[in-house]
Amino acid sequence: MKETTILTLHLLSPLPGTTSPEDLPWAEANPSRESLFWAFNPDTCLSDILENGPKLSRPLPQPSSLFRLDPGNYYFLQWREGAYETVEDGLEDFLGQLWWEGKACKGPLILRVLNEEGRRTFQALQA
């Protein structure tokens, strides 16, 4: 199994996003140019914190759509489609690694979806 490496993003200016078609579930959205940003409330998306780390509710509640990512410092994990069985598995791995490393976070769990070379790429971020 590949080791999960949490990176730090120091965003100095806003990162613009676009909205997803309303008839498409968030987990299936595929941007053509700009990024899509989804914000999950940690209070409603976590089902439990067990001895091995946090677990997500399945299915996840519908996230809020963000039009941009504001400047700030974020922990993040990036993966390409197919690296995890589901998007939720990638998010849960991110949260679990933050927990193991003792990184205190605040605010929403953000999922950025972008298109790189015709494949969806995901970034989990949290401040």
Protein backbone atom coordinates (compact mmCIF):
# COMPACT_ATOMS: atom_id res chain seq x y z
CA MET A 1 0.00 0.00 0.00
CA LYS A 2 1.24 3.48 -0.90
CA GLU A 3 2.14 5.77 2.00
CA THR A 4 -0.10 8.80 2.34
CA THR A 5 1.83 12.09 2.33
CA ILE A 6 0.12 15.23 3.54
CA LEU A 7 1.41 18.39 1.86
CA THR A 8 0.96 22.04 2.82
CA LEU A 9 -0.44 24.61 0.41
CA HIS A 10 0.26 28.29 1.10
CA LEU A 11 -2.32 29.93 -1.17
CA LEU A 12 -1.58 33.65 -1.63
CA SER A 13 -4.47 34.62 -3.90
CA PRO A 14 -7.95 33.16 -4.52
CA LEU A 15 -8.18 30.06 -6.67
CA PRO A 16 -11.27 30.33 -8.91
CA GLY A 17 -13.68 27.52 -9.48
CA THR A 18 -16.83 26.88 -11.46
CA THR A 19 -20.20 25.36 -10.65
CA SER A 20 -21.23 21.83 -11.51
CA PRO A 21 -24.41 20.98 -13.41
CA GLU A 22 -27.18 20.67 -10.83
CA ASP A 23 -28.44 17.37 -12.21
CA LEU A 24 -25.06 15.64 -11.67
CA PRO A 25 -24.13 14.12 -8.28
CA TRP A 26 -21.04 15.73 -6.72
CA ALA A 27 -19.00 12.50 -6.90
CA GLU A 28 -19.52 12.26 -10.68
CA ALA A 29 -18.77 15.87 -11.60
CA ASN A 30 -15.99 16.26 -14.15
CA PRO A 31 -14.76 19.79 -14.90
CA SER A 32 -13.48 20.53 -18.37
CA ARG A 33 -11.32 23.58 -17.56
CA GLU A 34 -11.60 25.13 -14.12
CA SER A 35 -11.79 23.43 -10.76
CA LEU A 36 -14.89 22.40 -8.87
CA PHE A 37 -14.85 22.96 -5.12
CA TRP A 38 -17.07 21.09 -2.67
CA ALA A 39 -17.21 21.88 1.05
CA PHE A 40 -18.24 19.21 3.55
CA ASN A 41 -19.18 20.11 7.12
CA PRO A 42 -17.01 17.92 9.41
CA ASP A 43 -19.83 17.79 11.97
CA THR A 44 -22.16 16.06 9.49
CA CYS A 45 -19.72 14.05 7.34
CA LEU A 46 -17.91 12.15 10.12
CA SER A 47 -19.67 9.10 11.48
CA ASP A 48 -17.16 8.28 14.22
CA ILE A 49 -13.56 8.58 15.32
CA LEU A 50 -12.29 5.09 16.08
CA GLU A 51 -8.90 3.94 17.37
CA ASN A 52 -7.60 3.92 13.76
CA GLY A 53 -8.85 7.42 12.94
CA PRO A 54 -11.98 9.17 11.69
CA LYS A 55 -14.57 7.43 9.54
CA LEU A 56 -16.85 9.16 7.06
CA SER A 57 -20.59 8.74 6.89
CA ARG A 58 -21.58 6.71 3.85
CA PRO A 59 -23.14 8.07 1.74
CA LEU A 60 -21.78 11.53 2.43
CA PRO A 61 -24.33 14.32 2.81
CA GLN A 62 -24.59 16.70 -0.14
CA PRO A 63 -21.73 19.23 0.08
CA SER A 64 -21.92 22.96 -0.56
CA SER A 65 -20.45 24.24 -3.81
CA LEU A 66 -17.74 26.91 -3.54
CA PHE A 67 -16.94 29.42 -6.29
CA ARG A 68 -13.33 29.79 -5.18
CA LEU A 69 -10.76 28.73 -2.63
CA ASP A 70 -9.77 31.66 -0.44
CA PRO A 71 -6.13 32.50 0.35
CA GLY A 72 -4.72 30.73 3.38
CA ASN A 73 -2.74 27.74 4.56
CA TYR A 74 -4.18 24.31 3.83
CA TYR A 75 -3.14 20.73 4.38
CA PHE A 76 -3.83 18.74 1.26
CA LEU A 77 -3.64 15.36 -0.42
CA GLN A 78 -3.85 14.83 -4.18
CA TRP A 79 -4.77 11.67 -6.07
CA ARG A 80 -5.93 10.71 -9.54
CA GLU A 81 -9.10 8.87 -10.39
CA GLY A 82 -8.60 5.16 -9.79
CA ALA A 83 -6.10 5.55 -6.93
CA TYR A 84 -8.92 4.77 -4.46
CA GLU A 85 -12.02 2.69 -4.99
CA THR A 86 -14.22 5.73 -4.25
CA VAL A 87 -13.76 9.47 -3.73
CA GLU A 88 -14.90 8.95 -0.13
CA ASP A 89 -12.03 6.49 0.41
CA GLY A 90 -9.55 9.20 -0.62
CA LEU A 91 -11.16 11.75 1.69
CA GLU A 92 -11.15 9.27 4.56
CA ASP A 93 -7.46 8.46 3.97
CA PHE A 94 -6.69 12.21 4.07
CA LEU A 95 -8.58 12.70 7.34
CA GLY A 96 -7.00 9.60 8.84
CA GLN A 97 -3.48 10.77 8.01
CA LEU A 98 -4.19 14.23 9.48
CA TRP A 99 -5.42 12.48 12.63
CA TRP A 100 -2.34 10.20 12.83
CA GLU A 101 0.00 13.17 12.39
CA GLY A 102 -1.87 15.19 15.04
CA LYS A 103 -2.59 18.08 12.68
CA ALA A 104 -5.32 20.30 14.11
CA CYS A 105 -7.70 21.58 11.44
CA LYS A 106 -10.67 23.90 11.39
CA GLY A 107 -13.36 24.70 8.91
CA PRO A 108 -14.86 22.55 6.19
CA LEU A 109 -13.31 19.57 4.48
CA ILE A 110 -12.82 20.78 0.90
CA LEU A 111 -12.69 18.59 -2.16
CA ARG A 112 -11.23 20.11 -5.32
CA VAL A 113 -11.93 18.27 -8.56
CA LEU A 114 -9.95 19.16 -11.66
CA ASN A 115 -9.16 17.69 -15.04
CA GLU A 116 -5.51 16.87 -15.75
CA GLU A 117 -4.69 15.33 -19.11
CA GLY A 118 -8.24 14.08 -19.54
CA ARG A 119 -8.43 12.38 -16.12
CA ARG A 120 -10.11 13.58 -12.97
CA THR A 121 -7.74 14.58 -10.21
CA PHE A 122 -8.85 15.15 -6.65
CA GLN A 123 -7.41 17.29 -3.88
CA ALA A 124 -8.64 17.06 -0.31
CA LEU A 125 -7.91 20.26 1.64
CA GLN A 126 -8.47 21.51 5.15
CA ALA A 127 -7.22 24.64 6.94
